[in-house]
Amino acid sequence: MLTKKLYLIRHAKSDWETPFCNDWERGLSARGRKNANSLAKVLAKRNISIDKAYISDSKRTQHTYAILKQKREFVKDAQFESSVYEASAETLWRQIAELPDSANSMLLLGHNPGLEELGNRLLTPGLYHSLFFKFPTSALLLLEAEVDSWQMFLEQRPGLRFFWIPQRD
């Protein structure tokens, strides 16, 4: 059996002050940049290395990823995907199911409510309220299972291995 690891990261805090034409164009706030830098330190300290990443193509998720990889390149194959932008838990679920089994670790860097709903669905199937008090911006959730395929990862309940949220000022 192999260990499959799924990392879920919500984009850093977005900027509501700077004018933008639509939601997709919102960048990061000063707090968002600070929190993304804190998360980058966590990724580096834990020596996290990820085989495959699907990242929302919104401006704020692209900026979040750029900050995360400044410390060190931690993703072997990263793709910006419009399908991750405001994706539902079901859409994210399908993206995981379609992963090649040769990838043992996967990152989804996206948005709520889809990420939170996916985390809840994987950890507590059938629960009708959120396991998380909040899945805040810049949060990192790591789920892990001893399985050979991503389909098996989705079919059995993976374990919660790590949940990190930025400190509040």
C-alpha atoms as a PDB file:
ATOM      1  CA  MET A   1       0.000   0.000   0.000  1.00  0.00           C
ATOM      2  CA  LEU A   2       1.075   3.521  -0.761  1.00  0.00           C
ATOM      3  CA  THR A   3       0.228   6.663   1.132  1.00  0.00           C
ATOM      4  CA  LYS A   4      -1.905   9.155  -0.780  1.00  0.00           C
ATOM      5  CA  LYS A   5      -1.892  12.714   0.565  1.00  0.00           C
ATOM      6  CA  LEU A   6      -4.415  15.399  -0.297  1.00  0.00           C
ATOM      7  CA  TYR A   7      -3.592  19.009   0.594  1.00  0.00           C
ATOM      8  CA  LEU A   8      -6.381  21.584   0.553  1.00  0.00           C
ATOM      9  CA  ILE A   9      -5.374  25.251   0.743  1.00  0.00           C
ATOM     10  CA  ARG A  10      -7.777  28.142   0.650  1.00  0.00           C
ATOM     11  CA  HIS A  11      -6.383  31.251  -1.055  1.00  0.00           C
ATOM     12  CA  ALA A  12      -5.016  34.035   1.139  1.00  0.00           C
ATOM     13  CA  LYS A  13      -7.220  36.955   2.234  1.00  0.00           C
ATOM     14  CA  SER A  14      -8.363  38.981  -0.744  1.00  0.00           C
ATOM     15  CA  ASP A  15      -8.290  42.724  -1.193  1.00  0.00           C
ATOM     16  CA  TRP A  16     -11.710  44.386  -1.143  1.00  0.00           C
ATOM     17  CA  GLU A  17     -10.304  47.940  -1.047  1.00  0.00           C
ATOM     18  CA  THR A  18      -8.604  48.106  -4.452  1.00  0.00           C
ATOM     19  CA  PRO A  19     -11.100  48.522  -7.311  1.00  0.00           C
ATOM     20  CA  PHE A  20     -11.812  45.383  -9.331  1.00  0.00           C
ATOM     21  CA  CYS A  21     -14.189  44.635 -12.194  1.00  0.00           C
ATOM     22  CA  ASN A  22     -15.240  41.169 -11.057  1.00  0.00           C
ATOM     23  CA  ASP A  23     -14.600  38.649  -8.313  1.00  0.00           C
ATOM     24  CA  TRP A  24     -12.005  36.757 -10.362  1.00  0.00           C
ATOM     25  CA  GLU A  25      -9.750  39.876 -10.497  1.00  0.00           C
ATOM     26  CA  ARG A  26      -9.469  40.503  -6.755  1.00  0.00           C
ATOM     27  CA  GLY A  27      -5.856  40.383  -5.556  1.00  0.00           C
ATOM     28  CA  LEU A  28      -4.480  39.864  -2.049  1.00  0.00           C
ATOM     29  CA  SER A  29      -4.720  42.223   0.890  1.00  0.00           C
ATOM     30  CA  ALA A  30      -1.706  43.073   3.059  1.00  0.00           C
ATOM     31  CA  ARG A  31      -2.988  40.568   5.649  1.00  0.00           C
ATOM     32  CA  GLY A  32      -3.354  37.980   2.882  1.00  0.00           C
ATOM     33  CA  ARG A  33       0.261  38.428   1.789  1.00  0.00           C
ATOM     34  CA  LYS A  34       1.431  38.157   5.417  1.00  0.00           C
ATOM     35  CA  ASN A  35      -0.592  34.979   6.016  1.00  0.00           C
ATOM     36  CA  ALA A  36       0.582  33.413   2.747  1.00  0.00           C
ATOM     37  CA  ASN A  37       4.177  34.051   3.824  1.00  0.00           C
ATOM     38  CA  SER A  38       3.445  32.361   7.156  1.00  0.00           C
ATOM     39  CA  LEU A  39       1.999  29.372   5.320  1.00  0.00           C
ATOM     40  CA  ALA A  40       5.059  29.235   3.041  1.00  0.00           C
ATOM     41  CA  LYS A  41       7.216  28.894   6.175  1.00  0.00           C
ATOM     42  CA  VAL A  42       5.026  26.016   7.395  1.00  0.00           C
ATOM     43  CA  LEU A  43       5.355  24.227   4.040  1.00  0.00           C
ATOM     44  CA  ALA A  44       9.141  24.691   4.092  1.00  0.00           C
ATOM     45  CA  LYS A  45       9.519  23.653   7.746  1.00  0.00           C
ATOM     46  CA  ARG A  46       7.493  20.477   7.147  1.00  0.00           C
ATOM     47  CA  ASN A  47       9.476  19.860   3.923  1.00  0.00           C
ATOM     48  CA  ILE A  48       6.255  19.332   1.993  1.00  0.00           C
ATOM     49  CA  SER A  49       6.665  18.104  -1.554  1.00  0.00           C
ATOM     50  CA  ILE A  50       3.629  17.638  -3.806  1.00  0.00           C
ATOM     51  CA  ASP A  51       3.378  15.679  -7.049  1.00  0.00           C
ATOM     52  CA  LYS A  52       0.388  17.417  -8.660  1.00  0.00           C
ATOM     53  CA  ALA A  53      -1.508  20.655  -8.019  1.00  0.00           C
ATOM     54  CA  TYR A  54      -4.670  22.132  -9.446  1.00  0.00           C
ATOM     55  CA  ILE A  55      -4.845  25.819  -8.644  1.00  0.00           C
ATOM     56  CA  SER A  56      -7.748  28.131  -9.352  1.00  0.00           C
ATOM     57  CA  ASP A  57      -6.852  30.592 -12.078  1.00  0.00           C
ATOM     58  CA  SER A  58      -8.225  33.581 -10.124  1.00  0.00           C
ATOM     59  CA  LYS A  59      -5.814  36.419  -9.422  1.00  0.00           C
ATOM     60  CA  ARG A  60      -5.832  35.862  -5.629  1.00  0.00           C
ATOM     61  CA  THR A  61      -5.038  32.130  -5.896  1.00  0.00           C
ATOM     62  CA  GLN A  62      -2.274  32.773  -8.431  1.00  0.00           C
ATOM     63  CA  HIS A  63      -0.765  35.365  -6.074  1.00  0.00           C
ATOM     64  CA  THR A  64      -1.117  32.992  -3.113  1.00  0.00           C
ATOM     65  CA  TYR A  65       0.727  30.247  -5.002  1.00  0.00           C
ATOM     66  CA  ALA A  66       3.462  32.664  -6.102  1.00  0.00           C
ATOM     67  CA  ILE A  67       4.118  33.562  -2.449  1.00  0.00           C
ATOM     68  CA  LEU A  68       4.037  29.917  -1.324  1.00  0.00           C
ATOM     69  CA  LYS A  69       6.688  28.867  -3.804  1.00  0.00           C
ATOM     70  CA  GLN A  70       9.039  31.803  -3.103  1.00  0.00           C
ATOM     71  CA  LYS A  71      10.712  29.912  -0.242  1.00  0.00           C
ATOM     72  CA  ARG A  72      11.188  26.810  -2.385  1.00  0.00           C
ATOM     73  CA  GLU A  73       9.532  25.027  -5.264  1.00  0.00           C
ATOM     74  CA  PHE A  74       7.342  22.426  -3.572  1.00  0.00           C
ATOM     75  CA  VAL A  75       5.063  21.229  -6.407  1.00  0.00           C
ATOM     76  CA  LYS A  76       6.373  19.069  -9.239  1.00  0.00           C
ATOM     77  CA  ASP A  77       3.452  19.671 -11.628  1.00  0.00           C
ATOM     78  CA  ALA A  78       1.221  22.710 -11.026  1.00  0.00           C
ATOM     79  CA  GLN A  79      -1.663  23.671 -13.289  1.00  0.00           C
ATOM     80  CA  PHE A  80      -3.867  26.760 -13.123  1.00  0.00           C
ATOM     81  CA  GLU A  81      -7.403  25.566 -13.776  1.00  0.00           C
ATOM     82  CA  SER A  82     -10.529  27.625 -14.361  1.00  0.00           C
ATOM     83  CA  SER A  83     -12.519  24.584 -13.192  1.00  0.00           C
ATOM     84  CA  VAL A  84     -11.185  25.092  -9.635  1.00  0.00           C
ATOM     85  CA  TYR A  85     -12.429  28.705  -9.493  1.00  0.00           C
ATOM     86  CA  GLU A  86     -15.459  28.611  -7.163  1.00  0.00           C
ATOM     87  CA  ALA A  87     -15.732  24.847  -7.736  1.00  0.00           C
ATOM     88  CA  SER A  88     -18.249  22.804  -5.806  1.00  0.00           C
ATOM     89  CA  ALA A  89     -17.150  19.909  -3.622  1.00  0.00           C
ATOM     90  CA  GLU A  90     -18.510  17.563  -6.313  1.00  0.00           C
ATOM     91  CA  THR A  91     -16.342  19.162  -9.022  1.00  0.00           C
ATOM     92  CA  LEU A  92     -13.252  18.916  -6.808  1.00  0.00           C
ATOM     93  CA  TRP A  93     -14.148  15.304  -5.975  1.00  0.00           C
ATOM     94  CA  ARG A  94     -14.223  14.447  -9.703  1.00  0.00           C
ATOM     95  CA  GLN A  95     -10.824  16.097 -10.241  1.00  0.00           C
ATOM     96  CA  ILE A  96      -9.319  13.916  -7.515  1.00  0.00           C
ATOM     97  CA  ALA A  97     -10.953  10.780  -8.957  1.00  0.00           C
ATOM     98  CA  GLU A  98      -9.346  11.492 -12.345  1.00  0.00           C
ATOM     99  CA  LEU A  99      -5.809  11.819 -10.959  1.00  0.00           C
ATOM    100  CA  PRO A 100      -3.256   9.303 -12.175  1.00  0.00           C
ATOM    101  CA  ASP A 101      -2.417   6.833  -9.423  1.00  0.00           C
ATOM    102  CA  SER A 102       1.271   7.516 -10.052  1.00  0.00           C
ATOM    103  CA  ALA A 103       0.761  10.842  -8.207  1.00  0.00           C
ATOM    104  CA  ASN A 104       0.934  10.165  -4.478  1.00  0.00           C
ATOM    105  CA  SER A 105       0.251  13.721  -3.340  1.00  0.00           C
ATOM    106  CA  MET A 106      -2.189  16.305  -4.603  1.00  0.00           C
ATOM    107  CA  LEU A 107      -2.856  19.969  -3.817  1.00  0.00           C
ATOM    108  CA  LEU A 108      -6.091  21.799  -4.481  1.00  0.00           C
ATOM    109  CA  LEU A 109      -5.624  25.545  -3.981  1.00  0.00           C
ATOM    110  CA  GLY A 110      -8.991  27.202  -4.302  1.00  0.00           C
ATOM    111  CA  HIS A 111     -12.024  28.711  -2.660  1.00  0.00           C
ATOM    112  CA  ASN A 112     -14.785  28.200  -0.168  1.00  0.00           C
ATOM    113  CA  PRO A 113     -17.352  26.837   0.179  1.00  0.00           C
ATOM    114  CA  GLY A 114     -16.113  24.039  -2.130  1.00  0.00           C
ATOM    115  CA  LEU A 115     -12.894  23.262  -0.209  1.00  0.00           C
ATOM    116  CA  GLU A 116     -14.603  23.190   3.176  1.00  0.00           C
ATOM    117  CA  GLU A 117     -17.427  21.026   1.836  1.00  0.00           C
ATOM    118  CA  LEU A 118     -14.928  18.623   0.264  1.00  0.00           C
ATOM    119  CA  GLY A 119     -12.979  18.354   3.529  1.00  0.00           C
ATOM    120  CA  ASN A 120     -16.183  17.657   5.429  1.00  0.00           C
ATOM    121  CA  ARG A 121     -17.372  15.115   2.877  1.00  0.00           C
ATOM    122  CA  LEU A 122     -14.089  13.195   3.049  1.00  0.00           C
ATOM    123  CA  LEU A 123     -13.722  13.298   6.837  1.00  0.00           C
ATOM    124  CA  THR A 124     -17.317  12.892   7.976  1.00  0.00           C
ATOM    125  CA  PRO A 125     -19.595  11.469   5.268  1.00  0.00           C
ATOM    126  CA  GLY A 126     -23.242  11.997   6.077  1.00  0.00           C
ATOM    127  CA  LEU A 127     -22.619  14.820   8.542  1.00  0.00           C
ATOM    128  CA  TYR A 128     -24.893  17.730   7.678  1.00  0.00           C
ATOM    129  CA  HIS A 129     -23.006  20.495   9.430  1.00  0.00           C
ATOM    130  CA  SER A 130     -19.409  21.605   9.062  1.00  0.00           C
ATOM    131  CA  LEU A 131     -16.717  19.820  11.039  1.00  0.00           C
ATOM    132  CA  PHE A 132     -14.737  23.057  10.890  1.00  0.00           C
ATOM    133  CA  PHE A 133     -15.702  26.077  12.942  1.00  0.00           C
ATOM    134  CA  LYS A 134     -14.282  27.921   9.971  1.00  0.00           C
ATOM    135  CA  PHE A 135     -12.000  27.057   7.046  1.00  0.00           C
ATOM    136  CA  PRO A 136     -10.359  30.482   6.848  1.00  0.00           C
ATOM    137  CA  THR A 137      -8.244  32.032   4.143  1.00  0.00           C
ATOM    138  CA  SER A 138      -4.678  30.651   4.029  1.00  0.00           C
ATOM    139  CA  ALA A 139      -5.812  27.486   5.844  1.00  0.00           C
ATOM    140  CA  LEU A 140      -4.054  24.201   5.061  1.00  0.00           C
ATOM    141  CA  LEU A 141      -5.715  20.816   5.513  1.00  0.00           C
ATOM    142  CA  LEU A 142      -3.825  17.550   4.962  1.00  0.00           C
ATOM    143  CA  LEU A 143      -5.774  14.315   4.537  1.00  0.00           C
ATOM    144  CA  GLU A 144      -3.981  10.981   4.199  1.00  0.00           C
ATOM    145  CA  ALA A 145      -4.867   7.353   3.460  1.00  0.00           C
ATOM    146  CA  GLU A 146      -2.966   4.108   2.939  1.00  0.00           C
ATOM    147  CA  VAL A 147      -4.358   3.212  -0.488  1.00  0.00           C
ATOM    148  CA  ASP A 148      -3.083   2.421  -3.964  1.00  0.00           C
ATOM    149  CA  SER A 149      -5.468   4.625  -5.937  1.00  0.00           C
ATOM    150  CA  TRP A 150      -7.207   7.972  -5.712  1.00  0.00           C
ATOM    151  CA  GLN A 151     -10.535   6.212  -6.248  1.00  0.00           C
ATOM    152  CA  MET A 152      -9.859   4.164  -3.099  1.00  0.00           C
ATOM    153  CA  PHE A 153      -8.843   7.390  -1.308  1.00  0.00           C
ATOM    154  CA  LEU A 154     -12.298   8.794  -2.041  1.00  0.00           C
ATOM    155  CA  GLU A 155     -14.141   5.579  -1.190  1.00  0.00           C
ATOM    156  CA  GLN A 156     -12.598   5.083   2.235  1.00  0.00           C
ATOM    157  CA  ARG A 157     -12.412   7.780   4.862  1.00  0.00           C
ATOM    158  CA  PRO A 158      -8.936   9.383   4.855  1.00  0.00           C
ATOM    159  CA  GLY A 159      -7.448  10.526   8.123  1.00  0.00           C
ATOM    160  CA  LEU A 160      -6.910  14.118   9.171  1.00  0.00           C
ATOM    161  CA  ARG A 161      -3.136  14.535   9.505  1.00  0.00           C
ATOM    162  CA  PHE A 162      -2.699  18.285   9.801  1.00  0.00           C
ATOM    163  CA  PHE A 163      -4.839  21.424   9.924  1.00  0.00           C
ATOM    164  CA  TRP A 164      -3.144  24.807  10.059  1.00  0.00           C
ATOM    165  CA  ILE A 165      -4.707  28.253  10.156  1.00  0.00           C
ATOM    166  CA  PRO A 166      -2.920  31.602  10.323  1.00  0.00           C
ATOM    167  CA  GLN A 167      -2.734  33.499  13.585  1.00  0.00           C
ATOM    168  CA  ARG A 168      -5.173  36.369  13.982  1.00  0.00           C
ATOM    169  CA  ASP A 169      -3.644  39.787  14.553  1.00  0.00           C
END
